Amino acid sequence: TNWILGQSCLEDGSMFPNTETAFDIQDVMNLQTAAEFPESGGRLEAHQLCLPGQVAMSMICAQQWMVKKSLMGVVKWVGKMNELLSVVMNCMDTDSPIPFRAKDFQSYLQRFQGGVPPPDHPEFIPKLAWPANAKVKASDVTAEPLRGCLPLKDPSCFPRGAENVFESCSECCNPKHGPTGFGDCWQAAFSFERCCQSLEPALPPAPPLPRAEEAAENPCRGQEEQSKALAENLQQEKQASEELLQSL
């Protein structure tokens, strides 16, 4: 609660949290459009603003004003959260390390349908409190370039707030550079093995063993089936490896 109350959230939601940047959804839409053209600098600006992170911070600000018993503050920040979510809905889960899912925000927004109780009502806080627990994302739910980053294997590899590209997980562990990421990142004690999650595809499950009664009826049958299953698994592994190499 102390951390939530320590964030800078204007009650009217006119500024992005902890900044002096005006919070205007039209500016956000323009920035999203500019991000499609790297030469405009829009992609860098969008990256620095981190729109999925701003969705989460809008929720934090709504919680702050809930604690302060300001219905206006809650409604303003929930409105901002809804606007931003409409922009990043399709990339909230796969392209962001934020430990909440798009469906968590959608579920929370449903609480506001039909109105909310006044601050002095006993249901004010129970109804408006954020219900979901943070859940660290794993590499199987994220897209490149975050696939080698989540969950963060060793936080000391990538200092928080670093602007150096060689200290960026999304760049250093990006599979576009090859099976061991961006080689220029690895100096001294830092290596791909230490800092990045494996980029190898998951292996198919092992074939089930034959039941004892089946093996007794035909001792060779189990071996034949296992050999056939093994050959199929090897073929699947070969195909997965070829697909991985083609994508790098």
Protein backbone atom coordinates (compact mmCIF):
# COMPACT_ATOMS: atom_id res chain seq x y z
CA THR A 1 0.00 0.00 0.00
CA ASN A 2 2.83 2.43 0.80
CA TRP A 3 4.34 1.87 -2.65
CA ILE A 4 0.97 2.50 -4.31
CA LEU A 5 0.47 5.71 -2.34
CA GLY A 6 3.99 6.80 -3.26
CA GLN A 7 3.25 6.93 -6.99
CA SER A 8 2.53 10.30 -8.59
CA CYS A 9 -1.03 10.03 -9.90
CA LEU A 10 -3.00 13.21 -10.50
CA GLU A 11 -6.60 12.80 -9.46
CA ASP A 12 -7.91 13.96 -12.83
CA GLY A 13 -5.64 11.57 -14.76
CA SER A 14 -4.24 14.38 -16.89
CA MET A 15 -0.59 13.23 -16.70
CA PHE A 16 1.07 9.86 -17.17
CA PRO A 17 1.99 8.45 -13.74
CA ASN A 18 5.30 9.68 -12.31
CA THR A 19 5.86 12.03 -15.25
CA GLU A 20 5.02 15.51 -16.46
CA THR A 21 3.80 14.15 -19.79
CA ALA A 22 0.20 14.97 -20.68
CA PHE A 23 -2.03 11.88 -20.86
CA ASP A 24 -3.97 12.25 -24.11
CA ILE A 25 -5.24 9.11 -25.82
CA GLN A 26 -5.12 10.81 -29.22
CA ASP A 27 -1.39 11.41 -28.74
CA VAL A 28 -1.04 7.73 -27.89
CA MET A 29 -2.86 6.73 -31.08
CA ASN A 30 -0.62 9.03 -33.13
CA LEU A 31 2.44 7.53 -31.46
CA GLN A 32 1.24 4.04 -32.27
CA THR A 33 0.88 5.01 -35.92
CA ALA A 34 4.34 6.60 -35.94
CA ALA A 35 5.85 3.44 -34.45
CA GLU A 36 5.10 1.68 -37.73
CA PHE A 37 7.68 3.94 -39.40
CA PRO A 38 11.07 3.53 -37.65
CA GLU A 39 12.60 6.54 -39.43
CA SER A 40 10.12 8.81 -37.63
CA GLY A 41 11.49 7.92 -34.19
CA GLY A 42 8.02 6.82 -33.12
CA ARG A 43 9.11 3.27 -32.33
CA LEU A 44 11.68 4.47 -29.81
CA GLU A 45 9.18 6.82 -28.20
CA ALA A 46 6.59 4.04 -27.95
CA HIS A 47 9.19 1.71 -26.44
CA GLN A 48 10.23 4.28 -23.83
CA LEU A 49 6.61 5.01 -22.92
CA CYS A 50 5.85 1.26 -22.60
CA LEU A 51 2.11 1.28 -23.20
CA PRO A 52 1.40 -2.11 -21.54
CA GLY A 53 3.23 -0.79 -18.48
CA GLN A 54 1.07 2.32 -18.55
CA VAL A 55 -2.04 0.12 -18.50
CA ALA A 56 -0.76 -1.45 -15.29
CA MET A 57 0.22 1.93 -13.82
CA SER A 58 -3.26 3.29 -14.55
CA MET A 59 -4.64 0.41 -12.51
CA ILE A 60 -2.18 1.26 -9.70
CA CYS A 61 -3.35 4.88 -9.75
CA ALA A 62 -6.97 3.75 -9.57
CA GLN A 63 -6.06 1.73 -6.49
CA GLN A 64 -4.35 4.74 -4.96
CA TRP A 65 -7.47 6.88 -5.28
CA MET A 66 -9.59 4.01 -4.03
CA VAL A 67 -7.54 4.01 -0.81
CA LYS A 68 -7.94 7.79 -0.65
CA LYS A 69 -11.71 7.32 -1.07
CA SER A 70 -11.94 9.48 -4.21
CA LEU A 71 -14.54 8.17 -6.61
CA MET A 72 -13.50 10.72 -9.23
CA GLY A 73 -9.88 9.57 -9.04
CA VAL A 74 -10.86 5.92 -9.43
CA VAL A 75 -13.18 6.58 -12.37
CA LYS A 76 -10.66 8.82 -14.14
CA TRP A 77 -7.82 6.27 -13.94
CA VAL A 78 -10.01 3.30 -14.80
CA GLY A 79 -11.10 5.28 -17.86
CA LYS A 80 -7.45 5.84 -18.82
CA MET A 81 -6.73 2.15 -18.29
CA ASN A 82 -9.60 1.21 -20.58
CA GLU A 83 -8.40 3.60 -23.32
CA LEU A 84 -4.85 2.26 -23.23
CA LEU A 85 -5.98 -1.37 -23.10
CA SER A 86 -7.90 -0.87 -26.34
CA VAL A 87 -4.61 0.12 -27.98
CA VAL A 88 -2.40 -2.73 -26.69
CA MET A 89 -4.95 -5.53 -26.29
CA ASN A 90 -3.38 -7.71 -29.01
CA CYS A 91 0.17 -7.44 -27.66
CA MET A 92 -0.43 -7.16 -23.91
CA ASP A 93 0.35 -10.81 -23.23
CA THR A 94 2.87 -11.83 -25.91
CA ASP A 95 4.99 -8.68 -26.21
CA SER A 96 5.15 -7.40 -22.65
CA PRO A 97 6.79 -8.64 -19.42
CA ILE A 98 3.99 -7.08 -17.33
CA PRO A 99 2.90 -9.83 -14.86
CA PHE A 100 -0.80 -9.34 -15.59
CA ARG A 101 -2.86 -10.58 -18.52
CA ALA A 102 -5.25 -8.68 -20.76
CA LYS A 103 -8.12 -10.78 -19.43
CA ASP A 104 -7.29 -9.59 -15.88
CA PHE A 105 -7.89 -5.99 -16.93
CA GLN A 106 -11.01 -6.91 -18.89
CA SER A 107 -12.42 -8.73 -15.87
CA TYR A 108 -11.67 -5.74 -13.63
CA LEU A 109 -13.41 -3.35 -16.01
CA GLN A 110 -16.57 -5.43 -15.80
CA ARG A 111 -16.83 -4.46 -12.14
CA PHE A 112 -17.71 -0.94 -13.22
CA GLN A 113 -20.65 -1.94 -15.38
CA GLY A 114 -23.85 -0.76 -13.77
CA GLY A 115 -22.16 1.84 -11.60
CA VAL A 116 -20.04 1.80 -8.45
CA PRO A 117 -20.93 2.42 -4.80
CA PRO A 118 -20.03 5.77 -3.15
CA PRO A 119 -16.82 6.01 -1.07
CA ASP A 120 -18.69 5.75 2.26
CA HIS A 121 -20.43 2.52 1.21
CA PRO A 122 -19.04 -0.70 2.81
CA GLU A 123 -18.72 -2.28 -0.67
CA PHE A 124 -16.63 0.58 -2.11
CA ILE A 125 -13.22 -1.01 -1.50
CA PRO A 126 -14.23 -4.70 -1.90
CA LYS A 127 -15.77 -3.96 -5.31
CA LEU A 128 -13.03 -1.67 -6.64
CA ALA A 129 -9.95 -3.47 -5.28
CA TRP A 130 -7.79 -5.14 -7.94
CA PRO A 131 -8.59 -8.88 -7.66
CA ALA A 132 -5.79 -10.55 -9.65
CA ASN A 133 -2.40 -11.66 -8.36
CA ALA A 134 0.73 -10.90 -10.34
CA LYS A 135 1.97 -13.93 -12.26
CA VAL A 136 5.40 -13.98 -13.88
CA LYS A 137 5.21 -14.77 -17.57
CA ALA A 138 7.17 -17.65 -19.03
CA SER A 139 8.77 -17.89 -22.45
CA ASP A 140 6.01 -20.17 -23.77
CA VAL A 141 3.46 -17.33 -23.69
CA THR A 142 5.64 -14.57 -25.09
CA ALA A 143 6.78 -13.72 -28.59
CA GLU A 144 10.18 -12.66 -29.84
CA PRO A 145 12.20 -10.79 -28.70
CA LEU A 146 11.06 -11.61 -25.13
CA ARG A 147 11.16 -15.38 -25.56
CA GLY A 148 14.67 -15.58 -24.13
CA CYS A 149 13.93 -13.13 -21.32
CA LEU A 150 10.95 -14.43 -19.37
CA PRO A 151 11.15 -15.19 -16.61
CA LEU A 152 14.35 -13.13 -16.16
CA LYS A 153 17.06 -15.69 -15.51
CA ASP A 154 19.64 -13.45 -13.79
CA PRO A 155 18.59 -9.85 -13.04
CA SER A 156 22.22 -8.80 -12.59
CA CYS A 157 22.77 -9.30 -16.33
CA PHE A 158 20.45 -6.45 -17.28
CA PRO A 159 20.47 -3.42 -14.92
CA ARG A 160 17.09 -1.75 -14.51
CA GLY A 161 16.78 1.45 -16.52
CA ALA A 162 19.89 0.78 -18.60
CA GLU A 163 19.87 2.49 -22.01
CA ASN A 164 22.88 0.62 -23.43
CA VAL A 165 21.75 -1.85 -26.08
CA PHE A 166 24.31 -4.35 -24.76
CA GLU A 167 22.47 -4.36 -21.42
CA SER A 168 19.04 -4.99 -22.94
CA CYS A 169 17.63 -8.49 -22.52
CA SER A 170 15.26 -8.11 -25.46
CA GLU A 171 18.28 -7.41 -27.67
CA CYS A 172 20.95 -9.64 -26.12
CA CYS A 173 18.71 -12.72 -25.85
CA ASN A 174 16.88 -12.14 -29.13
CA PRO A 175 16.90 -15.34 -31.25
CA LYS A 176 17.19 -13.25 -34.41
CA HIS A 177 20.92 -13.05 -33.65
CA GLY A 178 21.32 -16.81 -33.50
CA PRO A 179 21.03 -19.65 -30.96
CA THR A 180 23.18 -17.80 -28.40
CA GLY A 181 21.70 -14.33 -28.84
CA PHE A 182 23.72 -11.19 -29.59
CA GLY A 183 27.39 -12.14 -29.20
CA ASP A 184 28.59 -8.58 -28.53
CA CYS A 185 26.64 -8.59 -25.25
CA TRP A 186 28.68 -11.35 -23.68
CA GLN A 187 31.71 -10.05 -21.84
CA ALA A 188 33.64 -11.23 -18.77
CA ALA A 189 31.36 -13.34 -16.56
CA PHE A 190 28.20 -12.61 -18.57
CA SER A 191 27.14 -15.24 -21.08
CA PHE A 192 24.05 -16.43 -22.91
CA GLU A 193 23.84 -19.47 -20.63
CA ARG A 194 23.90 -17.29 -17.52
CA CYS A 195 21.59 -14.52 -18.69
CA CYS A 196 19.05 -15.97 -21.15
CA GLN A 197 16.38 -18.61 -21.17
CA SER A 198 16.90 -21.46 -23.63
CA LEU A 199 15.68 -20.75 -27.15
CA GLU A 200 15.37 -24.44 -28.03
CA PRO A 201 11.87 -25.75 -28.78
CA ALA A 202 10.32 -28.04 -26.20
CA LEU A 203 10.93 -31.75 -26.88
CA PRO A 204 7.91 -33.96 -27.55
CA PRO A 205 6.79 -36.19 -24.66
CA ALA A 206 8.32 -39.65 -24.38
CA PRO A 207 6.18 -42.54 -25.68
CA PRO A 208 4.25 -44.46 -22.98
CA LEU A 209 5.61 -47.82 -21.91
CA PRO A 210 3.54 -50.94 -22.79
CA ARG A 211 1.40 -52.46 -20.08
CA ALA A 212 2.79 -55.54 -18.35
CA GLU A 213 0.04 -57.87 -19.66
CA GLU A 214 0.63 -56.70 -23.26
CA ALA A 215 4.36 -57.30 -22.93
CA ALA A 216 3.72 -60.79 -21.57
CA GLU A 217 1.48 -61.69 -24.52
CA ASN A 218 4.05 -60.51 -27.06
CA PRO A 219 7.53 -59.67 -25.73
CA CYS A 220 8.57 -58.08 -29.03
CA ARG A 221 5.45 -56.00 -29.49
CA GLY A 222 6.45 -53.42 -26.90
CA GLN A 223 9.89 -53.02 -28.44
CA GLU A 224 8.43 -52.61 -31.90
CA GLU A 225 5.96 -49.96 -30.74
CA GLN A 226 8.66 -48.10 -28.80
CA SER A 227 10.98 -48.17 -31.80
CA LYS A 228 8.23 -46.82 -34.02
CA ALA A 229 7.35 -44.10 -31.51
CA LEU A 230 11.03 -43.23 -31.10
CA ALA A 231 11.45 -42.87 -34.86
CA GLU A 232 8.41 -40.57 -34.99
CA ASN A 233 9.78 -38.47 -32.13
CA LEU A 234 13.16 -38.17 -33.83
CA GLN A 235 11.42 -37.02 -37.01
CA GLN A 236 9.45 -34.43 -35.03
CA GLU A 237 12.65 -33.19 -33.36
CA LYS A 238 14.36 -32.93 -36.75
CA GLN A 239 11.43 -30.97 -38.19
CA ALA A 240 11.32 -28.66 -35.14
CA SER A 241 15.06 -28.01 -35.44
CA GLU A 242 14.74 -27.20 -39.15
CA GLU A 243 11.85 -24.80 -38.44
CA LEU A 244 13.87 -23.12 -35.71
CA LEU A 245 16.88 -22.66 -37.99
CA GLN A 246 14.65 -21.18 -40.70
CA SER A 247 13.19 -18.67 -38.23
CA LEU A 248 16.60 -17.43 -37.02
